[in-house]
Amino acid sequence: MRLRTAFLALTSAFALFLTIPGTASAAEGEFSYRYVDKDGDIRVGSLVDPPSKKCIEIPEIADWDVSAFRPRNNTDKRAVVFKDGDCESDAYFSLRPHGGHGSERLLLRSVVFS
């Protein structure tokens, strides 16, 4: 009888542990992209360990009307890149984790990680 009660208590504790909401996580790794600076030079930018489930506007181009291009997703989460700055446009593309990438023609202004 005691074994059954101990088993029930242990099972209940485990079930309670599974229902506790987890903390927000970050995508581990680096997301890189190219952009043209104000002098017309191509630069490389990156986001290292970016937060998940949060829209991130590409910081180097946020204040002017250009787009970044050639994204590389070397994080452990799926990245969805958007052509606008607020992750809401219909123009988006999904990049798989661990090496997903786009060409020079894939333009982006913001990204969100799963």
PDB file of N, CA and C in Angstrom:
ATOM      1  N   MET A   1       0.811  -1.185   0.000  1.00  0.00           N
ATOM      2  CA  MET A   1       0.000   0.000   0.000  1.00  0.00           C
ATOM      3  C   MET A   1       0.861   1.258   0.000  1.00  0.00           C
ATOM      4  N   ARG A   2       1.940   1.280   0.782  1.00  0.00           N
ATOM      5  CA  ARG A   2       2.817   2.461   0.830  1.00  0.00           C
ATOM      6  C   ARG A   2       3.497   2.690  -0.513  1.00  0.00           C
ATOM      7  N   LEU A   3       3.849   1.614  -1.178  1.00  0.00           N
ATOM      8  CA  LEU A   3       4.495   1.739  -2.487  1.00  0.00           C
ATOM      9  C   LEU A   3       3.558   2.399  -3.489  1.00  0.00           C
ATOM     10  N   ARG A   4       2.283   2.022  -3.441  1.00  0.00           N
ATOM     11  CA  ARG A   4       1.296   2.619  -4.341  1.00  0.00           C
ATOM     12  C   ARG A   4       1.138   4.120  -4.043  1.00  0.00           C
ATOM     13  N   THR A   5       1.099   4.510  -2.787  1.00  0.00           N
ATOM     14  CA  THR A   5       0.960   5.913  -2.399  1.00  0.00           C
ATOM     15  C   THR A   5       2.195   6.710  -2.819  1.00  0.00           C
ATOM     16  N   ALA A   6       3.369   6.132  -2.632  1.00  0.00           N
ATOM     17  CA  ALA A   6       4.604   6.806  -3.041  1.00  0.00           C
ATOM     18  C   ALA A   6       4.646   6.981  -4.559  1.00  0.00           C
ATOM     19  N   PHE A   7       4.226   5.940  -5.287  1.00  0.00           N
ATOM     20  CA  PHE A   7       4.190   6.018  -6.746  1.00  0.00           C
ATOM     21  C   PHE A   7       3.211   7.096  -7.206  1.00  0.00           C
ATOM     22  N   LEU A   8       2.035   7.175  -6.575  1.00  0.00           N
ATOM     23  CA  LEU A   8       1.034   8.170  -6.926  1.00  0.00           C
ATOM     24  C   LEU A   8       1.559   9.582  -6.652  1.00  0.00           C
ATOM     25  N   ALA A   9       2.225   9.770  -5.536  1.00  0.00           N
ATOM     26  CA  ALA A   9       2.785  11.074  -5.196  1.00  0.00           C
ATOM     27  C   ALA A   9       3.873  11.483  -6.191  1.00  0.00           C
ATOM     28  N   LEU A  10       4.740  10.546  -6.548  1.00  0.00           N
ATOM     29  CA  LEU A  10       5.810  10.823  -7.504  1.00  0.00           C
ATOM     30  C   LEU A  10       5.238  11.149  -8.879  1.00  0.00           C
ATOM     31  N   THR A  11       4.244  10.391  -9.320  1.00  0.00           N
ATOM     32  CA  THR A  11       3.611  10.639 -10.611  1.00  0.00           C
ATOM     33  C   THR A  11       2.924  11.995 -10.630  1.00  0.00           C
ATOM     34  N   SER A  12       2.248  12.348  -9.562  1.00  0.00           N
ATOM     35  CA  SER A  12       1.572  13.651  -9.466  1.00  0.00           C
ATOM     36  C   SER A  12       2.578  14.794  -9.506  1.00  0.00           C
ATOM     37  N   ALA A  13       3.677  14.639  -8.809  1.00  0.00           N
ATOM     38  CA  ALA A  13       4.711  15.677  -8.813  1.00  0.00           C
ATOM     39  C   ALA A  13       5.293  15.855 -10.204  1.00  0.00           C
ATOM     40  N   PHE A  14       5.525  14.767 -10.903  1.00  0.00           N
ATOM     41  CA  PHE A  14       6.054  14.835 -12.259  1.00  0.00           C
ATOM     42  C   PHE A  14       5.063  15.523 -13.201  1.00  0.00           C
ATOM     43  N   ALA A  15       3.778  15.189 -13.078  1.00  0.00           N
ATOM     44  CA  ALA A  15       2.746  15.828 -13.906  1.00  0.00           C
ATOM     45  C   ALA A  15       2.674  17.327 -13.625  1.00  0.00           C
ATOM     46  N   LEU A  16       2.798  17.717 -12.384  1.00  0.00           N
ATOM     47  CA  LEU A  16       2.803  19.136 -12.030  1.00  0.00           C
ATOM     48  C   LEU A  16       4.016  19.831 -12.629  1.00  0.00           C
ATOM     49  N   PHE A  17       5.161  19.189 -12.605  1.00  0.00           N
ATOM     50  CA  PHE A  17       6.378  19.757 -13.191  1.00  0.00           C
ATOM     51  C   PHE A  17       6.193  20.023 -14.681  1.00  0.00           C
ATOM     52  N   LEU A  18       5.521  19.115 -15.381  1.00  0.00           N
ATOM     53  CA  LEU A  18       5.313  19.274 -16.818  1.00  0.00           C
ATOM     54  C   LEU A  18       4.348  20.403 -17.156  1.00  0.00           C
ATOM     55  N   THR A  19       3.487  20.795 -16.231  1.00  0.00           N
ATOM     56  CA  THR A  19       2.512  21.843 -16.510  1.00  0.00           C
ATOM     57  C   THR A  19       3.024  23.235 -16.175  1.00  0.00           C
ATOM     58  N   ILE A  20       4.149  23.348 -15.500  1.00  0.00           N
ATOM     59  CA  ILE A  20       4.713  24.655 -15.168  1.00  0.00           C
ATOM     60  C   ILE A  20       5.240  25.293 -16.445  1.00  0.00           C
ATOM     61  N   PRO A  21       4.799  26.516 -16.757  1.00  0.00           N
ATOM     62  CA  PRO A  21       5.264  27.140 -17.999  1.00  0.00           C
ATOM     63  C   PRO A  21       6.759  27.409 -17.967  1.00  0.00           C
ATOM     64  N   GLY A  22       7.402  27.213 -19.097  1.00  0.00           N
ATOM     65  CA  GLY A  22       8.840  27.457 -19.198  1.00  0.00           C
ATOM     66  C   GLY A  22       9.148  28.931 -19.377  1.00  0.00           C
ATOM     67  N   THR A  23      10.367  29.278 -19.170  1.00  0.00           N
ATOM     68  CA  THR A  23      10.787  30.656 -19.373  1.00  0.00           C
ATOM     69  C   THR A  23      11.066  30.890 -20.851  1.00  0.00           C
ATOM     70  N   ALA A  24      11.058  32.142 -21.247  1.00  0.00           N
ATOM     71  CA  ALA A  24      11.347  32.480 -22.642  1.00  0.00           C
ATOM     72  C   ALA A  24      12.771  32.064 -22.977  1.00  0.00           C
ATOM     73  N   SER A  25      12.933  31.545 -24.158  1.00  0.00           N
ATOM     74  CA  SER A  25      14.255  31.085 -24.545  1.00  0.00           C
ATOM     75  C   SER A  25      14.786  31.920 -25.692  1.00  0.00           C
ATOM     76  N   ALA A  26      16.035  31.765 -25.930  1.00  0.00           N
ATOM     77  CA  ALA A  26      16.677  32.464 -27.033  1.00  0.00           C
ATOM     78  C   ALA A  26      17.136  31.442 -28.058  1.00  0.00           C
ATOM     79  N   ALA A  27      17.241  31.899 -29.280  1.00  0.00           N
ATOM     80  CA  ALA A  27      17.831  31.056 -30.313  1.00  0.00           C
ATOM     81  C   ALA A  27      19.336  31.079 -30.086  1.00  0.00           C
ATOM     82  N   GLU A  28      19.944  29.934 -29.945  1.00  0.00           N
ATOM     83  CA  GLU A  28      21.382  29.886 -29.715  1.00  0.00           C
ATOM     84  C   GLU A  28      22.110  29.816 -31.041  1.00  0.00           C
ATOM     85  N   GLY A  29      23.084  30.687 -31.200  1.00  0.00           N
ATOM     86  CA  GLY A  29      23.858  30.728 -32.426  1.00  0.00           C
ATOM     87  C   GLY A  29      23.839  32.118 -33.038  1.00  0.00           C
ATOM     88  N   GLU A  30      24.238  32.181 -34.309  1.00  0.00           N
ATOM     89  CA  GLU A  30      24.364  33.473 -34.991  1.00  0.00           C
ATOM     90  C   GLU A  30      23.498  33.514 -36.247  1.00  0.00           C
ATOM     91  N   PHE A  31      22.808  34.617 -36.407  1.00  0.00           N
ATOM     92  CA  PHE A  31      22.047  34.910 -37.615  1.00  0.00           C
ATOM     93  C   PHE A  31      22.768  36.070 -38.289  1.00  0.00           C
ATOM     94  N   SER A  32      23.230  35.871 -39.509  1.00  0.00           N
ATOM     95  CA  SER A  32      23.987  36.936 -40.183  1.00  0.00           C
ATOM     96  C   SER A  32      23.279  37.377 -41.462  1.00  0.00           C
ATOM     97  N   TYR A  33      23.660  38.537 -41.946  1.00  0.00           N
ATOM     98  CA  TYR A  33      23.053  39.141 -43.131  1.00  0.00           C
ATOM     99  C   TYR A  33      24.021  40.167 -43.698  1.00  0.00           C
ATOM    100  N   ARG A  34      23.757  40.608 -44.894  1.00  0.00           N
ATOM    101  CA  ARG A  34      24.540  41.659 -45.542  1.00  0.00           C
ATOM    102  C   ARG A  34      23.658  42.899 -45.683  1.00  0.00           C
ATOM    103  N   TYR A  35      24.273  44.061 -45.730  1.00  0.00           N
ATOM    104  CA  TYR A  35      23.561  45.301 -45.991  1.00  0.00           C
ATOM    105  C   TYR A  35      24.534  46.292 -46.611  1.00  0.00           C
ATOM    106  N   VAL A  36      23.997  47.291 -47.276  1.00  0.00           N
ATOM    107  CA  VAL A  36      24.820  48.338 -47.882  1.00  0.00           C
ATOM    108  C   VAL A  36      24.765  49.549 -46.960  1.00  0.00           C
ATOM    109  N   ASP A  37      25.946  50.028 -46.516  1.00  0.00           N
ATOM    110  CA  ASP A  37      25.977  51.166 -45.605  1.00  0.00           C
ATOM    111  C   ASP A  37      25.790  52.483 -46.366  1.00  0.00           C
ATOM    112  N   LYS A  38      25.800  53.588 -45.646  1.00  0.00           N
ATOM    113  CA  LYS A  38      25.545  54.902 -46.246  1.00  0.00           C
ATOM    114  C   LYS A  38      26.607  55.322 -47.248  1.00  0.00           C
ATOM    115  N   ASP A  39      27.779  54.710 -47.180  1.00  0.00           N
ATOM    116  CA  ASP A  39      28.847  55.008 -48.141  1.00  0.00           C
ATOM    117  C   ASP A  39      28.786  54.105 -49.369  1.00  0.00           C
ATOM    118  N   GLY A  40      27.824  53.181 -49.386  1.00  0.00           N
ATOM    119  CA  GLY A  40      27.689  52.271 -50.516  1.00  0.00           C
ATOM    120  C   GLY A  40      28.510  51.001 -50.401  1.00  0.00           C
ATOM    121  N   ASP A  41      29.125  50.781 -49.244  1.00  0.00           N
ATOM    122  CA  ASP A  41      29.931  49.575 -49.027  1.00  0.00           C
ATOM    123  C   ASP A  41      29.067  48.452 -48.462  1.00  0.00           C
ATOM    124  N   ILE A  42      29.341  47.223 -48.890  1.00  0.00           N
ATOM    125  CA  ILE A  42      28.629  46.066 -48.349  1.00  0.00           C
ATOM    126  C   ILE A  42      29.251  45.683 -47.015  1.00  0.00           C
ATOM    127  N   ARG A  43      28.404  45.560 -46.009  1.00  0.00           N
ATOM    128  CA  ARG A  43      28.825  45.194 -44.652  1.00  0.00           C
ATOM    129  C   ARG A  43      28.119  43.917 -44.229  1.00  0.00           C
ATOM    130  N   VAL A  44      28.675  43.251 -43.234  1.00  0.00           N
ATOM    131  CA  VAL A  44      28.071  42.061 -42.656  1.00  0.00           C
ATOM    132  C   VAL A  44      27.600  42.409 -41.253  1.00  0.00           C
ATOM    133  N   GLY A  45      26.357  42.084 -40.968  1.00  0.00           N
ATOM    134  CA  GLY A  45      25.805  42.278 -39.634  1.00  0.00           C
ATOM    135  C   GLY A  45      25.369  40.934 -39.083  1.00  0.00           C
ATOM    136  N   SER A  46      25.159  40.880 -37.777  1.00  0.00           N
ATOM    137  CA  SER A  46      24.701  39.621 -37.193  1.00  0.00           C
ATOM    138  C   SER A  46      23.948  39.861 -35.895  1.00  0.00           C
ATOM    139  N   LEU A  47      23.125  38.884 -35.568  1.00  0.00           N
ATOM    140  CA  LEU A  47      22.430  38.818 -34.288  1.00  0.00           C
ATOM    141  C   LEU A  47      22.926  37.547 -33.614  1.00  0.00           C
ATOM    142  N   VAL A  48      23.480  37.678 -32.418  1.00  0.00           N
ATOM    143  CA  VAL A  48      24.018  36.530 -31.696  1.00  0.00           C
ATOM    144  C   VAL A  48      23.077  36.181 -30.552  1.00  0.00           C
ATOM    145  N   ASP A  49      22.676  34.915 -30.495  1.00  0.00           N
ATOM    146  CA  ASP A  49      21.728  34.413 -29.491  1.00  0.00           C
ATOM    147  C   ASP A  49      20.494  35.320 -29.376  1.00  0.00           C
ATOM    148  N   PRO A  50      19.792  35.559 -30.488  1.00  0.00           N
ATOM    149  CA  PRO A  50      18.637  36.459 -30.459  1.00  0.00           C
ATOM    150  C   PRO A  50      17.460  35.859 -29.688  1.00  0.00           C
ATOM    151  N   PRO A  51      16.594  36.707 -29.131  1.00  0.00           N
ATOM    152  CA  PRO A  51      15.436  36.191 -28.399  1.00  0.00           C
ATOM    153  C   PRO A  51      14.446  35.498 -29.339  1.00  0.00           C
ATOM    154  N   SER A  52      13.743  34.524 -28.816  1.00  0.00           N
ATOM    155  CA  SER A  52      12.724  33.811 -29.595  1.00  0.00           C
ATOM    156  C   SER A  52      11.379  34.508 -29.464  1.00  0.00           C
ATOM    157  N   LYS A  53      10.547  34.338 -30.495  1.00  0.00           N
ATOM    158  CA  LYS A  53       9.168  34.816 -30.507  1.00  0.00           C
ATOM    159  C   LYS A  53       9.056  36.330 -30.326  1.00  0.00           C
ATOM    160  N   LYS A  54      10.055  37.064 -30.761  1.00  0.00           N
ATOM    161  CA  LYS A  54      10.051  38.525 -30.678  1.00  0.00           C
ATOM    162  C   LYS A  54      10.518  39.074 -32.022  1.00  0.00           C
ATOM    163  N   CYS A  55       9.774  40.027 -32.558  1.00  0.00           N
ATOM    164  CA  CYS A  55      10.159  40.627 -33.827  1.00  0.00           C
ATOM    165  C   CYS A  55      11.401  41.494 -33.622  1.00  0.00           C
ATOM    166  N   ILE A  56      12.403  41.273 -34.446  1.00  0.00           N
ATOM    167  CA  ILE A  56      13.645  42.038 -34.358  1.00  0.00           C
ATOM    168  C   ILE A  56      13.845  42.768 -35.677  1.00  0.00           C
ATOM    169  N   GLU A  57      13.880  44.085 -35.609  1.00  0.00           N
ATOM    170  CA  GLU A  57      14.188  44.874 -36.801  1.00  0.00           C
ATOM    171  C   GLU A  57      15.703  44.897 -36.963  1.00  0.00           C
ATOM    172  N   ILE A  58      16.167  44.736 -38.191  1.00  0.00           N
ATOM    173  CA  ILE A  58      17.615  44.725 -38.437  1.00  0.00           C
ATOM    174  C   ILE A  58      18.172  46.084 -38.015  1.00  0.00           C
ATOM    175  N   PRO A  59      19.021  46.125 -36.985  1.00  0.00           N
ATOM    176  CA  PRO A  59      19.412  47.399 -36.373  1.00  0.00           C
ATOM    177  C   PRO A  59      20.185  48.351 -37.279  1.00  0.00           C
ATOM    178  N   GLU A  60      21.033  47.834 -38.138  1.00  0.00           N
ATOM    179  CA  GLU A  60      21.878  48.706 -38.965  1.00  0.00           C
ATOM    180  C   GLU A  60      21.090  49.485 -40.014  1.00  0.00           C
ATOM    181  N   ILE A  61      19.910  48.998 -40.359  1.00  0.00           N
ATOM    182  CA  ILE A  61      19.134  49.660 -41.417  1.00  0.00           C
ATOM    183  C   ILE A  61      17.795  50.190 -40.915  1.00  0.00           C
ATOM    184  N   ALA A  62      17.557  50.136 -39.627  1.00  0.00           N
ATOM    185  CA  ALA A  62      16.253  50.498 -39.068  1.00  0.00           C
ATOM    186  C   ALA A  62      15.863  51.941 -39.361  1.00  0.00           C
ATOM    187  N   ASP A  63      16.820  52.838 -39.425  1.00  0.00           N
ATOM    188  CA  ASP A  63      16.514  54.258 -39.573  1.00  0.00           C
ATOM    189  C   ASP A  63      16.485  54.753 -41.010  1.00  0.00           C
ATOM    190  N   TRP A  64      16.706  53.899 -41.982  1.00  0.00           N
ATOM    191  CA  TRP A  64      16.648  54.352 -43.362  1.00  0.00           C
ATOM    192  C   TRP A  64      16.013  53.314 -44.257  1.00  0.00           C
ATOM    193  N   ASP A  65      15.647  53.734 -45.435  1.00  0.00           N
ATOM    194  CA  ASP A  65      14.797  52.936 -46.309  1.00  0.00           C
ATOM    195  C   ASP A  65      15.595  52.034 -47.251  1.00  0.00           C
ATOM    196  N   VAL A  66      16.286  51.047 -46.683  1.00  0.00           N
ATOM    197  CA  VAL A  66      16.995  50.025 -47.459  1.00  0.00           C
ATOM    198  C   VAL A  66      16.699  48.681 -46.813  1.00  0.00           C
ATOM    199  N   SER A  67      17.083  47.629 -47.469  1.00  0.00           N
ATOM    200  CA  SER A  67      16.871  46.279 -46.927  1.00  0.00           C
ATOM    201  C   SER A  67      18.197  45.557 -46.797  1.00  0.00           C
ATOM    202  N   ALA A  68      18.236  44.631 -45.862  1.00  0.00           N
ATOM    203  CA  ALA A  68      19.370  43.713 -45.770  1.00  0.00           C
ATOM    204  C   ALA A  68      19.118  42.579 -46.759  1.00  0.00           C
ATOM    205  N   PHE A  69      20.115  41.753 -46.987  1.00  0.00           N
ATOM    206  CA  PHE A  69      19.988  40.658 -47.940  1.00  0.00           C
ATOM    207  C   PHE A  69      20.927  39.525 -47.556  1.00  0.00           C
ATOM    208  N   ARG A  70      20.791  38.404 -48.235  1.00  0.00           N
ATOM    209  CA  ARG A  70      21.623  37.205 -48.050  1.00  0.00           C
ATOM    210  C   ARG A  70      21.701  36.740 -46.583  1.00  0.00           C
ATOM    211  N   PRO A  71      20.549  36.441 -45.981  1.00  0.00           N
ATOM    212  CA  PRO A  71      20.569  35.979 -44.583  1.00  0.00           C
ATOM    213  C   PRO A  71      21.107  34.557 -44.458  1.00  0.00           C
ATOM    214  N   ARG A  72      21.738  34.282 -43.317  1.00  0.00           N
ATOM    215  CA  ARG A  72      22.250  32.954 -42.976  1.00  0.00           C
ATOM    216  C   ARG A  72      21.799  32.644 -41.550  1.00  0.00           C
ATOM    217  N   ASN A  73      21.053  31.572 -41.398  1.00  0.00           N
ATOM    218  CA  ASN A  73      20.556  31.203 -40.079  1.00  0.00           C
ATOM    219  C   ASN A  73      21.384  30.064 -39.495  1.00  0.00           C
ATOM    220  N   ASN A  74      22.321  30.400 -38.654  1.00  0.00           N
ATOM    221  CA  ASN A  74      23.134  29.399 -37.970  1.00  0.00           C
ATOM    222  C   ASN A  74      22.754  29.317 -36.494  1.00  0.00           C
ATOM    223  N   THR A  75      21.456  29.530 -36.210  1.00  0.00           N
ATOM    224  CA  THR A  75      20.944  29.342 -34.858  1.00  0.00           C
ATOM    225  C   THR A  75      20.283  27.974 -34.773  1.00  0.00           C
ATOM    226  N   ASP A  76      19.802  27.636 -33.588  1.00  0.00           N
ATOM    227  CA  ASP A  76      19.113  26.357 -33.414  1.00  0.00           C
ATOM    228  C   ASP A  76      17.596  26.487 -33.547  1.00  0.00           C
ATOM    229  N   LYS A  77      17.109  27.634 -33.977  1.00  0.00           N
ATOM    230  CA  LYS A  77      15.666  27.872 -34.162  1.00  0.00           C
ATOM    231  C   LYS A  77      15.383  28.273 -35.602  1.00  0.00           C
ATOM    232  N   ARG A  78      14.164  28.031 -36.066  1.00  0.00           N
ATOM    233  CA  ARG A  78      13.728  28.474 -37.391  1.00  0.00           C
ATOM    234  C   ARG A  78      13.624  29.994 -37.372  1.00  0.00           C
ATOM    235  N   ALA A  79      14.095  30.637 -38.434  1.00  0.00           N
ATOM    236  CA  ALA A  79      14.019  32.092 -38.576  1.00  0.00           C
ATOM    237  C   ALA A  79      13.073  32.421 -39.717  1.00  0.00           C
ATOM    238  N   VAL A  80      12.154  33.335 -39.468  1.00  0.00           N
ATOM    239  CA  VAL A  80      11.264  33.820 -40.515  1.00  0.00           C
ATOM    240  C   VAL A  80      11.637  35.278 -40.762  1.00  0.00           C
ATOM    241  N   VAL A  81      12.082  35.563 -41.992  1.00  0.00           N
ATOM    242  CA  VAL A  81      12.497  36.923 -42.344  1.00  0.00           C
ATOM    243  C   VAL A  81      11.365  37.615 -43.093  1.00  0.00           C
ATOM    244  N   PHE A  82      11.218  38.911 -42.837  1.00  0.00           N
ATOM    245  CA  PHE A  82      10.149  39.705 -43.420  1.00  0.00           C
ATOM    246  C   PHE A  82      10.721  40.874 -44.205  1.00  0.00           C
ATOM    247  N   LYS A  83      10.013  41.262 -45.250  1.00  0.00           N
ATOM    248  CA  LYS A  83      10.446  42.376 -46.080  1.00  0.00           C
ATOM    249  C   LYS A  83      10.153  43.724 -45.417  1.00  0.00           C
ATOM    250  N   ASP A  84       9.264  43.744 -44.414  1.00  0.00           N
ATOM    251  CA  ASP A  84       8.966  44.983 -43.699  1.00  0.00           C
ATOM    252  C   ASP A  84       9.671  44.990 -42.341  1.00  0.00           C
ATOM    253  N   GLY A  85       9.536  46.091 -41.617  1.00  0.00           N
ATOM    254  CA  GLY A  85      10.239  46.235 -40.351  1.00  0.00           C
ATOM    255  C   GLY A  85       9.491  45.766 -39.128  1.00  0.00           C
ATOM    256  N   ASP A  86       8.236  45.298 -39.275  1.00  0.00           N
ATOM    257  CA  ASP A  86       7.483  44.914 -38.088  1.00  0.00           C
ATOM    258  C   ASP A  86       6.967  43.472 -38.113  1.00  0.00           C
ATOM    259  N   CYS A  87       7.565  42.634 -38.935  1.00  0.00           N
ATOM    260  CA  CYS A  87       7.240  41.202 -39.014  1.00  0.00           C
ATOM    261  C   CYS A  87       5.764  40.937 -39.299  1.00  0.00           C
ATOM    262  N   GLU A  88       5.144  41.803 -40.089  1.00  0.00           N
ATOM    263  CA  GLU A  88       3.717  41.618 -40.353  1.00  0.00           C
ATOM    264  C   GLU A  88       3.356  41.539 -41.831  1.00  0.00           C
ATOM    265  N   SER A  89       4.296  41.712 -42.727  1.00  0.00           N
ATOM    266  CA  SER A  89       3.939  41.721 -44.141  1.00  0.00           C
ATOM    267  C   SER A  89       3.659  40.319 -44.659  1.00  0.00           C
ATOM    268  N   ASP A  90       3.037  40.265 -45.811  1.00  0.00           N
ATOM    269  CA  ASP A  90       2.794  38.993 -46.479  1.00  0.00           C
ATOM    270  C   ASP A  90       4.045  38.497 -47.194  1.00  0.00           C
ATOM    271  N   ALA A  91       5.057  39.356 -47.290  1.00  0.00           N
ATOM    272  CA  ALA A  91       6.313  38.995 -47.947  1.00  0.00           C
ATOM    273  C   ALA A  91       7.286  38.489 -46.887  1.00  0.00           C
ATOM    274  N   TYR A  92       7.371  37.165 -46.738  1.00  0.00           N
ATOM    275  CA  TYR A  92       8.262  36.562 -45.751  1.00  0.00           C
ATOM    276  C   TYR A  92       8.850  35.272 -46.302  1.00  0.00           C
ATOM    277  N   PHE A  93       9.903  34.792 -45.641  1.00  0.00           N
ATOM    278  CA  PHE A  93      10.555  33.560 -46.052  1.00  0.00           C
ATOM    279  C   PHE A  93      11.086  32.875 -44.802  1.00  0.00           C
ATOM    280  N   SER A  94      10.947  31.572 -44.732  1.00  0.00           N
ATOM    281  CA  SER A  94      11.378  30.793 -43.578  1.00  0.00           C
ATOM    282  C   SER A  94      12.734  30.145 -43.850  1.00  0.00           C
ATOM    283  N   LEU A  95      13.636  30.268 -42.885  1.00  0.00           N
ATOM    284  CA  LEU A  95      14.974  29.675 -42.985  1.00  0.00           C
ATOM    285  C   LEU A  95      15.125  28.604 -41.911  1.00  0.00           C
ATOM    286  N   ARG A  96      15.499  27.410 -42.314  1.00  0.00           N
ATOM    287  CA  ARG A  96      15.653  26.317 -41.359  1.00  0.00           C
ATOM    288  C   ARG A  96      16.821  26.612 -40.396  1.00  0.00           C
ATOM    289  N   PRO A  97      16.809  25.977 -39.238  1.00  0.00           N
ATOM    290  CA  PRO A  97      17.940  26.136 -38.311  1.00  0.00           C
ATOM    291  C   PRO A  97      19.201  25.449 -38.838  1.00  0.00           C
ATOM    292  N   HIS A  98      20.340  25.812 -38.280  1.00  0.00           N
ATOM    293  CA  HIS A  98      21.631  25.174 -38.569  1.00  0.00           C
ATOM    294  C   HIS A  98      22.001  25.218 -40.054  1.00  0.00           C
ATOM    295  N   GLY A  99      21.991  26.406 -40.631  1.00  0.00           N
ATOM    296  CA  GLY A  99      22.494  26.538 -41.998  1.00  0.00           C
ATOM    297  C   GLY A  99      21.527  27.002 -43.052  1.00  0.00           C
ATOM    298  N   GLY A 100      20.280  27.288 -42.693  1.00  0.00           N
ATOM    299  CA  GLY A 100      19.345  27.796 -43.690  1.00  0.00           C
ATOM    300  C   GLY A 100      19.816  29.155 -44.196  1.00  0.00           C
ATOM    301  N   HIS A 101      19.682  29.398 -45.488  1.00  0.00           N
ATOM    302  CA  HIS A 101      20.179  30.659 -46.030  1.00  0.00           C
ATOM    303  C   HIS A 101      19.358  31.099 -47.233  1.00  0.00           C
ATOM    304  N   GLY A 102      19.483  32.369 -47.547  1.00  0.00           N
ATOM    305  CA  GLY A 102      18.823  32.955 -48.697  1.00  0.00           C
ATOM    306  C   GLY A 102      19.855  33.580 -49.612  1.00  0.00           C
ATOM    307  N   SER A 103      19.430  33.885 -50.823  1.00  0.00           N
ATOM    308  CA  SER A 103      20.342  34.449 -51.822  1.00  0.00           C
ATOM    309  C   SER A 103      20.458  35.965 -51.674  1.00  0.00           C
ATOM    310  N   GLU A 104      21.213  36.541 -52.578  1.00  0.00           N
ATOM    311  CA  GLU A 104      21.370  37.992 -52.641  1.00  0.00           C
ATOM    312  C   GLU A 104      20.028  38.677 -52.898  1.00  0.00           C
ATOM    313  N   ARG A 105      19.099  37.959 -53.525  1.00  0.00           N
ATOM    314  CA  ARG A 105      17.809  38.541 -53.883  1.00  0.00           C
ATOM    315  C   ARG A 105      16.802  38.515 -52.747  1.00  0.00           C
ATOM    316  N   LEU A 106      17.072  37.762 -51.676  1.00  0.00           N
ATOM    317  CA  LEU A 106      16.148  37.704 -50.545  1.00  0.00           C
ATOM    318  C   LEU A 106      16.359  38.932 -49.664  1.00  0.00           C
ATOM    319  N   LEU A 107      15.414  39.859 -49.714  1.00  0.00           N
ATOM    320  CA  LEU A 107      15.512  41.108 -48.958  1.00  0.00           C
ATOM    321  C   LEU A 107      14.772  40.977 -47.631  1.00  0.00           C
ATOM    322  N   LEU A 108      15.300  41.590 -46.583  1.00  0.00           N
ATOM    323  CA  LEU A 108      14.666  41.541 -45.284  1.00  0.00           C
ATOM    324  C   LEU A 108      14.909  42.830 -44.520  1.00  0.00           C
ATOM    325  N   ARG A 109      13.950  43.149 -43.648  1.00  0.00           N
ATOM    326  CA  ARG A 109      14.071  44.275 -42.715  1.00  0.00           C
ATOM    327  C   ARG A 109      13.847  43.838 -41.277  1.00  0.00           C
ATOM    328  N   SER A 110      13.235  42.646 -41.086  1.00  0.00           N
ATOM    329  CA  SER A 110      13.005  42.146 -39.737  1.00  0.00           C
ATOM    330  C   SER A 110      12.991  40.624 -39.750  1.00  0.00           C
ATOM    331  N   VAL A 111      13.109  40.047 -38.551  1.00  0.00           N
ATOM    332  CA  VAL A 111      13.172  38.595 -38.408  1.00  0.00           C
ATOM    333  C   VAL A 111      12.555  38.202 -37.064  1.00  0.00           C
ATOM    334  N   VAL A 112      11.963  37.010 -37.042  1.00  0.00           N
ATOM    335  CA  VAL A 112      11.469  36.432 -35.792  1.00  0.00           C
ATOM    336  C   VAL A 112      11.914  34.973 -35.752  1.00  0.00           C
ATOM    337  N   PHE A 113      12.319  34.517 -34.567  1.00  0.00           N
ATOM    338  CA  PHE A 113      12.799  33.145 -34.375  1.00  0.00           C
ATOM    339  C   PHE A 113      11.738  32.346 -33.625  1.00  0.00           C
ATOM    340  N   SER A 114      11.568  31.076 -33.999  1.00  0.00           N
ATOM    341  CA  SER A 114      10.537  30.237 -33.377  1.00  0.00           C
ATOM    342  C   SER A 114      10.918  29.844 -31.964  1.00  0.00           C
TER     343      SER A 114
END
